[in-house]
Amino acid sequence: MVNEVVPRDELMGVTWKMATEITQMAPIPLQLSKRALYQGLDSQLDVQVQFEQLSQSTCFKSEDYREGMKAFLEKRRPVFKGK
């Protein structure tokens, strides 16, 4: 996968910026997304769709989801705890 193409001398800065943004994301959906990507390489479509439905349900039931929604409404950065 390619997210962005940058000149070689900008690569490290862009990479660090992206890594920093990723560390600010909610850990549960991040973990589930990573797992879905790897699992999807060898999975049948119906199995993958089931996994993604379960993942969405898991995310919507999490404390981090509620925190993200609350932070959005309060116009502040969320504080995710991985719960």
Protein backbone atom coordinates (compact mmCIF):
# COMPACT_ATOMS: atom_id res chain seq x y z
CA MET A 1 0.00 0.00 0.00
CA VAL A 2 1.13 3.51 -0.72
CA ASN A 3 -0.25 6.47 1.19
CA GLU A 4 1.95 9.19 -0.17
CA VAL A 5 4.94 9.65 -2.45
CA VAL A 6 7.52 12.16 -1.24
CA PRO A 7 11.04 13.16 -2.20
CA ARG A 8 13.72 11.05 -0.53
CA ASP A 9 14.98 13.93 1.64
CA GLU A 10 11.45 14.41 3.10
CA LEU A 11 10.78 10.72 3.74
CA MET A 12 11.92 10.54 7.36
CA GLY A 13 9.97 13.63 8.42
CA VAL A 14 6.79 12.46 6.70
CA THR A 15 7.24 8.98 8.20
CA TRP A 16 7.62 10.36 11.73
CA LYS A 17 4.59 12.59 11.25
CA MET A 18 2.50 9.61 10.11
CA ALA A 19 3.75 7.45 12.99
CA THR A 20 2.88 10.18 15.49
CA GLU A 21 -0.64 10.45 14.06
CA ILE A 22 -1.09 6.68 14.31
CA THR A 23 -0.06 6.66 17.98
CA GLN A 24 -2.85 9.15 18.72
CA MET A 25 -5.55 6.83 17.32
CA ALA A 26 -7.80 4.58 19.38
CA PRO A 27 -5.93 1.30 19.91
CA ILE A 28 -8.85 -1.14 19.55
CA PRO A 29 -9.90 -0.20 16.00
CA LEU A 30 -6.25 0.18 15.03
CA GLN A 31 -5.48 -3.38 16.18
CA LEU A 32 -8.60 -4.77 14.53
CA SER A 33 -7.85 -2.95 11.26
CA LYS A 34 -4.33 -4.32 11.19
CA ARG A 35 -5.62 -7.82 11.87
CA ALA A 36 -8.28 -7.45 9.16
CA LEU A 37 -5.65 -6.42 6.62
CA TYR A 38 -3.41 -9.40 7.31
CA GLN A 39 -6.32 -11.85 7.61
CA GLY A 40 -7.82 -10.56 4.37
CA LEU A 41 -4.80 -11.73 2.41
CA ASP A 42 -5.78 -15.37 2.87
CA SER A 43 -9.48 -15.17 3.73
CA GLN A 44 -12.70 -15.78 1.84
CA LEU A 45 -14.94 -12.73 1.35
CA ASP A 46 -17.77 -14.02 3.58
CA VAL A 47 -15.32 -14.76 6.42
CA GLN A 48 -13.75 -11.32 6.06
CA VAL A 49 -17.14 -9.58 6.07
CA GLN A 50 -18.07 -11.46 9.25
CA PHE A 51 -14.83 -10.42 10.91
CA GLU A 52 -15.37 -6.79 9.94
CA GLN A 53 -18.94 -6.85 11.29
CA LEU A 54 -17.67 -8.26 14.58
CA SER A 55 -14.90 -5.65 14.65
CA GLN A 56 -17.34 -2.78 14.12
CA SER A 57 -19.61 -4.10 16.85
CA THR A 58 -16.62 -4.38 19.19
CA CYS A 59 -15.54 -0.82 18.45
CA PHE A 60 -19.02 0.66 18.89
CA LYS A 61 -19.33 -1.00 22.32
CA SER A 62 -15.98 0.29 23.58
CA GLU A 63 -15.32 3.07 26.07
CA ASP A 64 -12.96 4.59 23.52
CA TYR A 65 -15.85 4.99 21.06
CA ARG A 66 -17.85 6.92 23.64
CA GLU A 67 -14.78 9.00 24.48
CA GLY A 68 -14.17 9.75 20.80
CA MET A 69 -17.76 10.89 20.27
CA LYS A 70 -17.72 12.98 23.45
CA ALA A 71 -14.40 14.59 22.52
CA PHE A 72 -15.71 15.39 19.04
CA LEU A 73 -18.81 17.09 20.44
CA GLU A 74 -16.71 18.98 22.99
CA LYS A 75 -14.21 19.94 20.25
CA ARG A 76 -11.20 18.50 22.08
CA ARG A 77 -8.67 15.76 21.53
CA PRO A 78 -9.84 12.35 22.77
CA VAL A 79 -7.98 10.46 25.46
CA PHE A 80 -8.12 6.80 24.43
CA LYS A 81 -7.46 4.06 26.99
CA GLY A 82 -7.82 0.92 24.91
CA LYS A 83 -11.03 -0.12 26.64
